């Protein structure tokens, strides 16, 4: 799955977010909706927040189950959705999976939505 193609900014439009500067085309709307859908779940927002706030912006899956209060398979499903949307990456260390915040992933959503 690709990351959304954001509308280009020029110096005169820096103060206005792409969403309010001009209409999104169909592909941009689909991409943005996919990202927002991935974030529109309380458990996924909590997981993303926990990973982002962890040392080095990464966390072991073993440390994510208890704080969210969901079963390991449910946590894995939510982490998979966040990975597919491009917010998290995964690396294997022995038998454990570690998830890390993808640099700039949240910025792409914020850039589209925030207006000055």
PDB file of N, CA and C in Angstrom:
ATOM      1  N   UNK A   1       0.840  -1.173   0.000  1.00  0.00           N
ATOM      2  CA  UNK A   1       0.000   0.000   0.000  1.00  0.00           C
ATOM      3  C   UNK A   1       0.881   1.229   0.000  1.00  0.00           C
ATOM      4  N   UNK A   2       0.523   2.181  -0.826  1.00  0.00           N
ATOM      5  CA  UNK A   2       1.350   3.376  -0.954  1.00  0.00           C
ATOM      6  C   UNK A   2       0.970   4.416   0.082  1.00  0.00           C
ATOM      7  N   UNK A   3       1.934   5.293   0.341  1.00  0.00           N
ATOM      8  CA  UNK A   3       1.618   6.416   1.208  1.00  0.00           C
ATOM      9  C   UNK A   3       0.906   7.457   0.363  1.00  0.00           C
ATOM     10  N   UNK A   4       0.076   8.309   0.963  1.00  0.00           N
ATOM     11  CA  UNK A   4      -0.694   9.245   0.171  1.00  0.00           C
ATOM     12  C   UNK A   4       0.196  10.254  -0.524  1.00  0.00           C
ATOM     13  N   UNK A   5      -0.234  10.660  -1.695  1.00  0.00           N
ATOM     14  CA  UNK A   5       0.458  11.704  -2.418  1.00  0.00           C
ATOM     15  C   UNK A   5      -0.116  13.021  -1.937  1.00  0.00           C
ATOM     16  N   UNK A   6       0.708  13.799  -1.272  1.00  0.00           N
ATOM     17  CA  UNK A   6       0.246  15.072  -0.749  1.00  0.00           C
ATOM     18  C   UNK A   6       0.352  16.131  -1.824  1.00  0.00           C
ATOM     19  N   UNK A   7      -0.517  17.094  -1.766  1.00  0.00           N
ATOM     20  CA  UNK A   7      -0.504  18.165  -2.729  1.00  0.00           C
ATOM     21  C   UNK A   7       0.753  19.005  -2.552  1.00  0.00           C
ATOM     22  N   UNK A   8       1.375  19.467  -3.646  1.00  0.00           N
ATOM     23  CA  UNK A   8       2.604  20.255  -3.522  1.00  0.00           C
ATOM     24  C   UNK A   8       2.326  21.617  -2.898  1.00  0.00           C
ATOM     25  N   UNK A   9       3.310  22.100  -2.137  1.00  0.00           N
ATOM     26  CA  UNK A   9       3.203  23.413  -1.503  1.00  0.00           C
ATOM     27  C   UNK A   9       4.109  24.394  -2.221  1.00  0.00           C
ATOM     28  N   UNK A  10       3.640  25.599  -2.444  1.00  0.00           N
ATOM     29  CA  UNK A  10       4.550  26.644  -2.881  1.00  0.00           C
ATOM     30  C   UNK A  10       4.572  27.699  -1.782  1.00  0.00           C
ATOM     31  N   UNK A  11       5.465  28.654  -1.878  1.00  0.00           N
ATOM     32  CA  UNK A  11       5.672  29.613  -0.791  1.00  0.00           C
ATOM     33  C   UNK A  11       4.434  30.431  -0.456  1.00  0.00           C
ATOM     34  N   UNK A  12       3.562  30.688  -1.402  1.00  0.00           N
ATOM     35  CA  UNK A  12       2.379  31.501  -1.133  1.00  0.00           C
ATOM     36  C   UNK A  12       1.272  30.711  -0.457  1.00  0.00           C
ATOM     37  N   UNK A  13       1.390  29.377  -0.448  1.00  0.00           N
ATOM     38  CA  UNK A  13       0.330  28.541   0.107  1.00  0.00           C
ATOM     39  C   UNK A  13       0.722  27.836   1.400  1.00  0.00           C
ATOM     40  N   UNK A  14       1.877  28.145   1.943  1.00  0.00           N
ATOM     41  CA  UNK A  14       2.370  27.451   3.124  1.00  0.00           C
ATOM     42  C   UNK A  14       1.403  27.568   4.296  1.00  0.00           C
ATOM     43  N   UNK A  15       0.681  28.657   4.417  1.00  0.00           N
ATOM     44  CA  UNK A  15      -0.209  28.885   5.552  1.00  0.00           C
ATOM     45  C   UNK A  15      -1.510  28.094   5.474  1.00  0.00           C
ATOM     46  N   UNK A  16      -1.819  27.519   4.340  1.00  0.00           N
ATOM     47  CA  UNK A  16      -3.063  26.775   4.200  1.00  0.00           C
ATOM     48  C   UNK A  16      -2.786  25.307   3.959  1.00  0.00           C
ATOM     49  N   UNK A  17      -3.479  24.463   4.691  1.00  0.00           N
ATOM     50  CA  UNK A  17      -3.312  23.023   4.528  1.00  0.00           C
ATOM     51  C   UNK A  17      -3.841  22.592   3.166  1.00  0.00           C
ATOM     52  N   UNK A  18      -3.259  21.524   2.577  1.00  0.00           N
ATOM     53  CA  UNK A  18      -3.711  21.052   1.273  1.00  0.00           C
ATOM     54  C   UNK A  18      -5.210  20.763   1.202  1.00  0.00           C
ATOM     55  N   UNK A  19      -5.795  20.302   2.289  1.00  0.00           N
ATOM     56  CA  UNK A  19      -7.213  19.969   2.292  1.00  0.00           C
ATOM     57  C   UNK A  19      -8.087  21.202   2.077  1.00  0.00           C
ATOM     58  N   UNK A  20      -7.624  22.368   2.532  1.00  0.00           N
ATOM     59  CA  UNK A  20      -8.416  23.590   2.387  1.00  0.00           C
ATOM     60  C   UNK A  20      -7.947  24.461   1.233  1.00  0.00           C
ATOM     61  N   UNK A  21      -6.846  24.106   0.620  1.00  0.00           N
ATOM     62  CA  UNK A  21      -6.302  24.896  -0.483  1.00  0.00           C
ATOM     63  C   UNK A  21      -6.989  24.559  -1.793  1.00  0.00           C
ATOM     64  N   UNK A  22      -7.219  23.287  -2.026  1.00  0.00           N
ATOM     65  CA  UNK A  22      -7.909  22.853  -3.241  1.00  0.00           C
ATOM     66  C   UNK A  22      -8.502  21.474  -2.985  1.00  0.00           C
ATOM     67  N   UNK A  23      -9.501  21.086  -3.746  1.00  0.00           N
ATOM     68  CA  UNK A  23     -10.128  19.777  -3.529  1.00  0.00           C
ATOM     69  C   UNK A  23      -9.129  18.642  -3.756  1.00  0.00           C
ATOM     70  N   UNK A  24      -9.263  17.598  -2.962  1.00  0.00           N
ATOM     71  CA  UNK A  24      -8.465  16.393  -3.173  1.00  0.00           C
ATOM     72  C   UNK A  24      -8.963  15.681  -4.418  1.00  0.00           C
ATOM     73  N   UNK A  25      -8.050  15.061  -5.160  1.00  0.00           N
ATOM     74  CA  UNK A  25      -8.530  14.226  -6.259  1.00  0.00           C
ATOM     75  C   UNK A  25      -8.942  12.875  -5.668  1.00  0.00           C
ATOM     76  N   UNK A  26      -9.499  12.021  -6.479  1.00  0.00           N
ATOM     77  CA  UNK A  26     -10.053  10.749  -5.988  1.00  0.00           C
ATOM     78  C   UNK A  26      -8.983   9.887  -5.314  1.00  0.00           C
ATOM     79  N   UNK A  27      -7.797   9.793  -5.908  1.00  0.00           N
ATOM     80  CA  UNK A  27      -6.736   8.962  -5.328  1.00  0.00           C
ATOM     81  C   UNK A  27      -6.259   9.533  -3.994  1.00  0.00           C
ATOM     82  N   UNK A  28      -6.105  10.842  -3.912  1.00  0.00           N
ATOM     83  CA  UNK A  28      -5.691  11.471  -2.663  1.00  0.00           C
ATOM     84  C   UNK A  28      -6.725  11.243  -1.572  1.00  0.00           C
ATOM     85  N   UNK A  29      -8.005  11.329  -1.915  1.00  0.00           N
ATOM     86  CA  UNK A  29      -9.070  11.106  -0.933  1.00  0.00           C
ATOM     87  C   UNK A  29      -9.052   9.667  -0.420  1.00  0.00           C
ATOM     88  N   UNK A  30      -8.840   8.705  -1.305  1.00  0.00           N
ATOM     89  CA  UNK A  30      -8.772   7.297  -0.900  1.00  0.00           C
ATOM     90  C   UNK A  30      -7.579   7.075   0.022  1.00  0.00           C
ATOM     91  N   UNK A  31      -6.414   7.624  -0.352  1.00  0.00           N
ATOM     92  CA  UNK A  31      -5.212   7.459   0.471  1.00  0.00           C
ATOM     93  C   UNK A  31      -5.377   8.094   1.847  1.00  0.00           C
ATOM     94  N   UNK A  32      -5.917   9.308   1.882  1.00  0.00           N
ATOM     95  CA  UNK A  32      -6.100   9.992   3.160  1.00  0.00           C
ATOM     96  C   UNK A  32      -7.137   9.266   4.021  1.00  0.00           C
ATOM     97  N   UNK A  33      -8.205   8.800   3.412  1.00  0.00           N
ATOM     98  CA  UNK A  33      -9.233   8.063   4.161  1.00  0.00           C
ATOM     99  C   UNK A  33      -8.651   6.792   4.767  1.00  0.00           C
ATOM    100  N   UNK A  34      -7.768   6.111   4.049  1.00  0.00           N
ATOM    101  CA  UNK A  34      -7.136   4.894   4.567  1.00  0.00           C
ATOM    102  C   UNK A  34      -6.294   5.223   5.793  1.00  0.00           C
ATOM    103  N   UNK A  35      -5.545   6.321   5.731  1.00  0.00           N
ATOM    104  CA  UNK A  35      -4.728   6.726   6.877  1.00  0.00           C
ATOM    105  C   UNK A  35      -5.593   7.107   8.074  1.00  0.00           C
ATOM    106  N   UNK A  36      -6.629   7.895   7.816  1.00  0.00           N
ATOM    107  CA  UNK A  36      -7.503   8.320   8.906  1.00  0.00           C
ATOM    108  C   UNK A  36      -8.262   7.146   9.505  1.00  0.00           C
ATOM    109  N   UNK A  37      -8.646   6.197   8.665  1.00  0.00           N
ATOM    110  CA  UNK A  37      -9.343   5.004   9.169  1.00  0.00           C
ATOM    111  C   UNK A  37      -8.427   4.211  10.093  1.00  0.00           C
ATOM    112  N   UNK A  38      -7.152   4.122   9.743  1.00  0.00           N
ATOM    113  CA  UNK A  38      -6.198   3.410  10.596  1.00  0.00           C
ATOM    114  C   UNK A  38      -6.059   4.099  11.948  1.00  0.00           C
ATOM    115  N   UNK A  39      -6.164   5.404  11.973  1.00  0.00           N
ATOM    116  CA  UNK A  39      -6.034   6.161  13.220  1.00  0.00           C
ATOM    117  C   UNK A  39      -7.340   6.286  13.996  1.00  0.00           C
ATOM    118  N   UNK A  40      -8.455   5.975  13.365  1.00  0.00           N
ATOM    119  CA  UNK A  40      -9.770   6.226  13.960  1.00  0.00           C
ATOM    120  C   UNK A  40     -10.244   5.107  14.885  1.00  0.00           C
ATOM    121  N   UNK A  41      -9.332   4.487  15.579  1.00  0.00           N
ATOM    122  CA  UNK A  41      -9.672   3.439  16.531  1.00  0.00           C
ATOM    123  C   UNK A  41      -8.949   3.749  17.834  1.00  0.00           C
ATOM    124  N   UNK A  42      -9.663   3.776  18.951  1.00  0.00           N
ATOM    125  CA  UNK A  42      -9.016   4.133  20.225  1.00  0.00           C
ATOM    126  C   UNK A  42      -7.827   3.242  20.579  1.00  0.00           C
ATOM    127  N   UNK A  43      -7.939   1.938  20.323  1.00  0.00           N
ATOM    128  CA  UNK A  43      -6.832   1.032  20.648  1.00  0.00           C
ATOM    129  C   UNK A  43      -5.612   1.346  19.784  1.00  0.00           C
ATOM    130  N   UNK A  44      -5.834   1.606  18.489  1.00  0.00           N
ATOM    131  CA  UNK A  44      -4.702   1.922  17.609  1.00  0.00           C
ATOM    132  C   UNK A  44      -4.067   3.251  17.979  1.00  0.00           C
ATOM    133  N   UNK A  45      -4.874   4.227  18.358  1.00  0.00           N
ATOM    134  CA  UNK A  45      -4.301   5.504  18.801  1.00  0.00           C
ATOM    135  C   UNK A  45      -3.454   5.309  20.051  1.00  0.00           C
ATOM    136  N   UNK A  46      -3.935   4.492  20.966  1.00  0.00           N
ATOM    137  CA  UNK A  46      -3.165   4.224  22.192  1.00  0.00           C
ATOM    138  C   UNK A  46      -1.869   3.497  21.865  1.00  0.00           C
ATOM    139  N   UNK A  47      -1.945   2.488  21.011  1.00  0.00           N
ATOM    140  CA  UNK A  47      -0.742   1.756  20.630  1.00  0.00           C
ATOM    141  C   UNK A  47       0.283   2.672  19.966  1.00  0.00           C
ATOM    142  N   UNK A  48      -0.174   3.490  19.052  1.00  0.00           N
ATOM    143  CA  UNK A  48       0.714   4.432  18.371  1.00  0.00           C
ATOM    144  C   UNK A  48       1.338   5.394  19.370  1.00  0.00           C
ATOM    145  N   UNK A  49       0.538   5.856  20.311  1.00  0.00           N
ATOM    146  CA  UNK A  49       1.014   6.771  21.338  1.00  0.00           C
ATOM    147  C   UNK A  49       2.056   6.106  22.241  1.00  0.00           C
ATOM    148  N   UNK A  50       1.807   4.859  22.615  1.00  0.00           N
ATOM    149  CA  UNK A  50       2.746   4.137  23.475  1.00  0.00           C
ATOM    150  C   UNK A  50       4.078   3.943  22.749  1.00  0.00           C
ATOM    151  N   UNK A  51       4.009   3.523  21.499  1.00  0.00           N
ATOM    152  CA  UNK A  51       5.242   3.325  20.730  1.00  0.00           C
ATOM    153  C   UNK A  51       5.976   4.660  20.562  1.00  0.00           C
ATOM    154  N   UNK A  52       5.258   5.701  20.191  1.00  0.00           N
ATOM    155  CA  UNK A  52       5.879   7.012  19.960  1.00  0.00           C
ATOM    156  C   UNK A  52       6.515   7.571  21.230  1.00  0.00           C
ATOM    157  N   UNK A  53       5.923   7.295  22.385  1.00  0.00           N
ATOM    158  CA  UNK A  53       6.428   7.825  23.654  1.00  0.00           C
ATOM    159  C   UNK A  53       7.505   6.939  24.276  1.00  0.00           C
ATOM    160  N   UNK A  54       7.725   5.765  23.705  1.00  0.00           N
ATOM    161  CA  UNK A  54       8.731   4.847  24.236  1.00  0.00           C
ATOM    162  C   UNK A  54      10.132   5.312  23.844  1.00  0.00           C
ATOM    163  N   UNK A  55      11.113   4.843  24.595  1.00  0.00           N
ATOM    164  CA  UNK A  55      12.498   5.188  24.309  1.00  0.00           C
ATOM    165  C   UNK A  55      12.851   4.783  22.879  1.00  0.00           C
ATOM    166  N   UNK A  56      13.387   5.715  22.134  1.00  0.00           N
ATOM    167  CA  UNK A  56      13.736   5.456  20.749  1.00  0.00           C
ATOM    168  C   UNK A  56      12.539   5.325  19.830  1.00  0.00           C
ATOM    169  N   UNK A  57      11.365   5.691  20.308  1.00  0.00           N
ATOM    170  CA  UNK A  57      10.106   5.570  19.571  1.00  0.00           C
ATOM    171  C   UNK A  57       9.915   4.156  19.025  1.00  0.00           C
ATOM    172  N   UNK A  58      10.234   3.165  19.894  1.00  0.00           N
ATOM    173  CA  UNK A  58      10.007   1.768  19.541  1.00  0.00           C
ATOM    174  C   UNK A  58       9.642   0.984  20.792  1.00  0.00           C
ATOM    175  N   UNK A  59       8.878  -0.086  20.596  1.00  0.00           N
ATOM    176  CA  UNK A  59       8.433  -0.890  21.732  1.00  0.00           C
ATOM    177  C   UNK A  59       8.267  -2.342  21.310  1.00  0.00           C
ATOM    178  N   UNK A  60       8.509  -3.232  22.260  1.00  0.00           N
ATOM    179  CA  UNK A  60       8.310  -4.658  22.048  1.00  0.00           C
ATOM    180  C   UNK A  60       6.814  -4.956  22.147  1.00  0.00           C
ATOM    181  N   UNK A  61       6.355  -5.854  21.305  1.00  0.00           N
ATOM    182  CA  UNK A  61       4.947  -6.239  21.360  1.00  0.00           C
ATOM    183  C   UNK A  61       4.588  -6.761  22.744  1.00  0.00           C
ATOM    184  N   UNK A  62       5.552  -7.348  23.425  1.00  0.00           N
ATOM    185  CA  UNK A  62       5.291  -7.878  24.776  1.00  0.00           C
ATOM    186  C   UNK A  62       4.944  -6.766  25.765  1.00  0.00           C
ATOM    187  N   UNK A  63       5.345  -5.534  25.470  1.00  0.00           N
ATOM    188  CA  UNK A  63       5.056  -4.397  26.344  1.00  0.00           C
ATOM    189  C   UNK A  63       3.782  -3.643  25.962  1.00  0.00           C
ATOM    190  N   UNK A  64       3.098  -4.093  24.928  1.00  0.00           N
ATOM    191  CA  UNK A  64       1.927  -3.363  24.440  1.00  0.00           C
ATOM    192  C   UNK A  64       0.602  -3.985  24.855  1.00  0.00           C
ATOM    193  N   UNK A  65       0.595  -5.240  25.210  1.00  0.00           N
ATOM    194  CA  UNK A  65      -0.657  -5.936  25.530  1.00  0.00           C
ATOM    195  C   UNK A  65      -1.284  -5.424  26.817  1.00  0.00           C
ATOM    196  N   UNK A  66      -0.521  -5.378  27.882  1.00  0.00           N
ATOM    197  CA  UNK A  66      -1.070  -4.993  29.187  1.00  0.00           C
ATOM    198  C   UNK A  66      -1.611  -3.561  29.239  1.00  0.00           C
ATOM    199  N   UNK A  67      -0.873  -2.562  28.757  1.00  0.00           N
ATOM    200  CA  UNK A  67      -1.384  -1.190  28.873  1.00  0.00           C
ATOM    201  C   UNK A  67      -2.709  -0.960  28.144  1.00  0.00           C
ATOM    202  N   UNK A  68      -2.921  -1.669  27.048  1.00  0.00           N
ATOM    203  CA  UNK A  68      -4.139  -1.469  26.257  1.00  0.00           C
ATOM    204  C   UNK A  68      -5.265  -2.375  26.739  1.00  0.00           C
ATOM    205  N   UNK A  69      -4.909  -3.476  27.413  1.00  0.00           N
ATOM    206  CA  UNK A  69      -5.925  -4.361  27.977  1.00  0.00           C
ATOM    207  C   UNK A  69      -6.634  -5.226  26.961  1.00  0.00           C
ATOM    208  N   UNK A  70      -5.949  -5.548  25.872  1.00  0.00           N
ATOM    209  CA  UNK A  70      -6.526  -6.415  24.848  1.00  0.00           C
ATOM    210  C   UNK A  70      -5.664  -7.655  24.703  1.00  0.00           C
ATOM    211  N   UNK A  71      -6.230  -8.685  24.091  1.00  0.00           N
ATOM    212  CA  UNK A  71      -5.479  -9.924  23.902  1.00  0.00           C
ATOM    213  C   UNK A  71      -4.361  -9.720  22.882  1.00  0.00           C
ATOM    214  N   UNK A  72      -3.375 -10.602  22.930  1.00  0.00           N
ATOM    215  CA  UNK A  72      -2.243 -10.501  22.020  1.00  0.00           C
ATOM    216  C   UNK A  72      -2.670 -10.578  20.554  1.00  0.00           C
ATOM    217  N   UNK A  73      -3.588 -11.480  20.159  1.00  0.00           N
ATOM    218  CA  UNK A  73      -4.010 -11.496  18.758  1.00  0.00           C
ATOM    219  C   UNK A  73      -4.681 -10.177  18.319  1.00  0.00           C
ATOM    220  N   UNK A  74      -5.440  -9.567  19.207  1.00  0.00           N
ATOM    221  CA  UNK A  74      -6.093  -8.292  18.884  1.00  0.00           C
ATOM    222  C   UNK A  74      -5.060  -7.188  18.745  1.00  0.00           C
ATOM    223  N   UNK A  75      -4.074  -7.171  19.640  1.00  0.00           N
ATOM    224  CA  UNK A  75      -2.985  -6.194  19.551  1.00  0.00           C
ATOM    225  C   UNK A  75      -2.248  -6.373  18.221  1.00  0.00           C
ATOM    226  N   UNK A  76      -1.956  -7.617  17.874  1.00  0.00           N
ATOM    227  CA  UNK A  76      -1.258  -7.899  16.611  1.00  0.00           C
ATOM    228  C   UNK A  76      -2.054  -7.398  15.409  1.00  0.00           C
ATOM    229  N   UNK A  77      -3.355  -7.576  15.437  1.00  0.00           N
ATOM    230  CA  UNK A  77      -4.199  -7.079  14.349  1.00  0.00           C
ATOM    231  C   UNK A  77      -4.083  -5.553  14.232  1.00  0.00           C
ATOM    232  N   UNK A  78      -4.200  -4.852  15.357  1.00  0.00           N
ATOM    233  CA  UNK A  78      -4.123  -3.397  15.331  1.00  0.00           C
ATOM    234  C   UNK A  78      -2.746  -2.919  14.869  1.00  0.00           C
ATOM    235  N   UNK A  79      -1.691  -3.596  15.307  1.00  0.00           N
ATOM    236  CA  UNK A  79      -0.340  -3.227  14.876  1.00  0.00           C
ATOM    237  C   UNK A  79      -0.169  -3.452  13.374  1.00  0.00           C
ATOM    238  N   UNK A  80      -0.769  -4.515  12.863  1.00  0.00           N
ATOM    239  CA  UNK A  80      -0.709  -4.795  11.424  1.00  0.00           C
ATOM    240  C   UNK A  80      -1.388  -3.668  10.633  1.00  0.00           C
ATOM    241  N   UNK A  81      -2.538  -3.208  11.104  1.00  0.00           N
ATOM    242  CA  UNK A  81      -3.245  -2.108  10.433  1.00  0.00           C
ATOM    243  C   UNK A  81      -2.372  -0.851  10.427  1.00  0.00           C
ATOM    244  N   UNK A  82      -1.744  -0.555  11.558  1.00  0.00           N
ATOM    245  CA  UNK A  82      -0.875   0.625  11.639  1.00  0.00           C
ATOM    246  C   UNK A  82       0.354   0.479  10.753  1.00  0.00           C
ATOM    247  N   UNK A  83       0.870  -0.733  10.620  1.00  0.00           N
ATOM    248  CA  UNK A  83       2.000  -0.968   9.716  1.00  0.00           C
ATOM    249  C   UNK A  83       1.585  -0.798   8.263  1.00  0.00           C
ATOM    250  N   UNK A  84       0.458  -1.370   7.904  1.00  0.00           N
ATOM    251  CA  UNK A  84      -0.016  -1.271   6.518  1.00  0.00           C
ATOM    252  C   UNK A  84      -0.309   0.169   6.116  1.00  0.00           C
ATOM    253  N   UNK A  85      -0.701   0.979   7.084  1.00  0.00           N
ATOM    254  CA  UNK A  85      -0.959   2.394   6.813  1.00  0.00           C
ATOM    255  C   UNK A  85       0.335   3.210   6.781  1.00  0.00           C
ATOM    256  N   UNK A  86       1.442   2.597   7.184  1.00  0.00           N
ATOM    257  CA  UNK A  86       2.724   3.276   7.119  1.00  0.00           C
ATOM    258  C   UNK A  86       3.115   4.048   8.363  1.00  0.00           C
ATOM    259  N   UNK A  87       2.398   3.833   9.467  1.00  0.00           N
ATOM    260  CA  UNK A  87       2.716   4.540  10.707  1.00  0.00           C
ATOM    261  C   UNK A  87       3.791   3.826  11.518  1.00  0.00           C
ATOM    262  N   UNK A  88       3.848   2.504  11.436  1.00  0.00           N
ATOM    263  CA  UNK A  88       4.805   1.720  12.211  1.00  0.00           C
ATOM    264  C   UNK A  88       5.602   0.808  11.286  1.00  0.00           C
ATOM    265  N   UNK A  89       6.818   0.484  11.729  1.00  0.00           N
ATOM    266  CA  UNK A  89       7.611  -0.559  11.082  1.00  0.00           C
ATOM    267  C   UNK A  89       7.849  -1.649  12.118  1.00  0.00           C
ATOM    268  N   UNK A  90       8.237  -2.830  11.647  1.00  0.00           N
ATOM    269  CA  UNK A  90       8.405  -3.975  12.538  1.00  0.00           C
ATOM    270  C   UNK A  90       9.763  -4.611  12.293  1.00  0.00           C
ATOM    271  N   UNK A  91      10.405  -4.978  13.394  1.00  0.00           N
ATOM    272  CA  UNK A  91      11.654  -5.734  13.283  1.00  0.00           C
ATOM    273  C   UNK A  91      11.594  -6.890  14.274  1.00  0.00           C
ATOM    274  N   UNK A  92      12.245  -7.965  13.945  1.00  0.00           N
ATOM    275  CA  UNK A  92      12.250  -9.165  14.775  1.00  0.00           C
ATOM    276  C   UNK A  92      13.579  -9.218  15.519  1.00  0.00           C
ATOM    277  N   UNK A  93      13.506  -9.458  16.828  1.00  0.00           N
ATOM    278  CA  UNK A  93      14.689  -9.640  17.663  1.00  0.00           C
ATOM    279  C   UNK A  93      14.474 -10.914  18.469  1.00  0.00           C
ATOM    280  N   UNK A  94      15.110 -11.963  18.027  1.00  0.00           N
ATOM    281  CA  UNK A  94      14.872 -13.262  18.663  1.00  0.00           C
ATOM    282  C   UNK A  94      13.439 -13.685  18.399  1.00  0.00           C
ATOM    283  N   UNK A  95      12.705 -13.967  19.474  1.00  0.00           N
ATOM    284  CA  UNK A  95      11.310 -14.377  19.315  1.00  0.00           C
ATOM    285  C   UNK A  95      10.338 -13.204  19.424  1.00  0.00           C
ATOM    286  N   UNK A  96      10.843 -12.004  19.714  1.00  0.00           N
ATOM    287  CA  UNK A  96       9.982 -10.841  19.925  1.00  0.00           C
ATOM    288  C   UNK A  96       9.957  -9.921  18.715  1.00  0.00           C
ATOM    289  N   UNK A  97       8.821  -9.315  18.504  1.00  0.00           N
ATOM    290  CA  UNK A  97       8.668  -8.304  17.454  1.00  0.00           C
ATOM    291  C   UNK A  97       8.708  -6.928  18.111  1.00  0.00           C
ATOM    292  N   UNK A  98       9.448  -6.031  17.500  1.00  0.00           N
ATOM    293  CA  UNK A  98       9.528  -4.650  17.965  1.00  0.00           C
ATOM    294  C   UNK A  98       8.917  -3.748  16.908  1.00  0.00           C
ATOM    295  N   UNK A  99       8.152  -2.785  17.382  1.00  0.00           N
ATOM    296  CA  UNK A  99       7.489  -1.838  16.485  1.00  0.00           C
ATOM    297  C   UNK A  99       8.074  -0.455  16.715  1.00  0.00           C
ATOM    298  N   UNK A 100       8.302   0.258  15.612  1.00  0.00           N
ATOM    299  CA  UNK A 100       8.883   1.595  15.691  1.00  0.00           C
ATOM    300  C   UNK A 100       8.030   2.559  14.884  1.00  0.00           C
ATOM    301  N   UNK A 101       7.955   3.781  15.365  1.00  0.00           N
ATOM    302  CA  UNK A 101       7.251   4.831  14.646  1.00  0.00           C
ATOM    303  C   UNK A 101       8.045   5.170  13.394  1.00  0.00           C
ATOM    304  N   UNK A 102       7.391   5.203  12.251  1.00  0.00           N
ATOM    305  CA  UNK A 102       8.051   5.577  11.000  1.00  0.00           C
ATOM    306  C   UNK A 102       8.246   7.092  11.020  1.00  0.00           C
ATOM    307  N   UNK A 103       9.493   7.537  10.877  1.00  0.00           N
ATOM    308  CA  UNK A 103       9.748   8.984  10.912  1.00  0.00           C
ATOM    309  C   UNK A 103       8.905   9.730   9.865  1.00  0.00           C
ATOM    310  N   UNK A 104       8.229  10.772  10.308  1.00  0.00           N
ATOM    311  CA  UNK A 104       7.435  11.605   9.414  1.00  0.00           C
ATOM    312  C   UNK A 104       6.057  11.078   9.079  1.00  0.00           C
ATOM    313  N   UNK A 105       5.713   9.874   9.533  1.00  0.00           N
ATOM    314  CA  UNK A 105       4.413   9.292   9.166  1.00  0.00           C
ATOM    315  C   UNK A 105       3.249  10.125   9.676  1.00  0.00           C
ATOM    316  N   UNK A 106       3.331  10.604  10.894  1.00  0.00           N
ATOM    317  CA  UNK A 106       2.246  11.429  11.441  1.00  0.00           C
ATOM    318  C   UNK A 106       2.251  12.815  10.824  1.00  0.00           C
ATOM    319  N   UNK A 107       3.418  13.291  10.425  1.00  0.00           N
ATOM    320  CA  UNK A 107       3.512  14.606   9.792  1.00  0.00           C
ATOM    321  C   UNK A 107       2.706  14.679   8.501  1.00  0.00           C
ATOM    322  N   UNK A 108       2.681  13.554   7.743  1.00  0.00           N
ATOM    323  CA  UNK A 108       1.958  13.570   6.477  1.00  0.00           C
ATOM    324  C   UNK A 108       0.467  13.802   6.678  1.00  0.00           C
ATOM    325  N   UNK A 109      -0.092  13.238   7.751  1.00  0.00           N
ATOM    326  CA  UNK A 109      -1.524  13.444   8.046  1.00  0.00           C
ATOM    327  C   UNK A 109      -1.730  14.868   8.563  1.00  0.00           C
ATOM    328  N   UNK A 110      -0.866  15.294   9.461  1.00  0.00           N
ATOM    329  CA  UNK A 110      -0.996  16.636  10.046  1.00  0.00           C
ATOM    330  C   UNK A 110      -0.893  17.713   8.978  1.00  0.00           C
ATOM    331  N   UNK A 111      -0.002  17.546   8.023  1.00  0.00           N
ATOM    332  CA  UNK A 111       0.184  18.535   6.976  1.00  0.00           C
ATOM    333  C   UNK A 111      -1.094  18.739   6.171  1.00  0.00           C
ATOM    334  N   UNK A 112      -1.795  17.658   5.921  1.00  0.00           N
ATOM    335  CA  UNK A 112      -3.019  17.742   5.125  1.00  0.00           C
ATOM    336  C   UNK A 112      -4.139  18.432   5.910  1.00  0.00           C
ATOM    337  N   UNK A 113      -4.192  18.216   7.216  1.00  0.00           N
ATOM    338  CA  UNK A 113      -5.327  18.663   8.014  1.00  0.00           C
ATOM    339  C   UNK A 113      -5.157  20.029   8.673  1.00  0.00           C
ATOM    340  N   UNK A 114      -3.953  20.402   9.035  1.00  0.00           N
ATOM    341  CA  UNK A 114      -3.739  21.607   9.823  1.00  0.00           C
ATOM    342  C   UNK A 114      -3.731  22.850   8.952  1.00  0.00           C
ATOM    343  N   UNK A 115      -4.495  23.857   9.396  1.00  0.00           N
ATOM    344  CA  UNK A 115      -4.471  25.144   8.719  1.00  0.00           C
ATOM    345  C   UNK A 115      -3.929  26.189   9.700  1.00  0.00           C
ATOM    346  N   UNK A 116      -3.242  27.145   9.159  1.00  0.00           N
ATOM    347  CA  UNK A 116      -2.668  28.194  10.024  1.00  0.00           C
ATOM    348  C   UNK A 116      -3.645  29.335  10.158  1.00  0.00           C
TER     349      UNK A 116
END
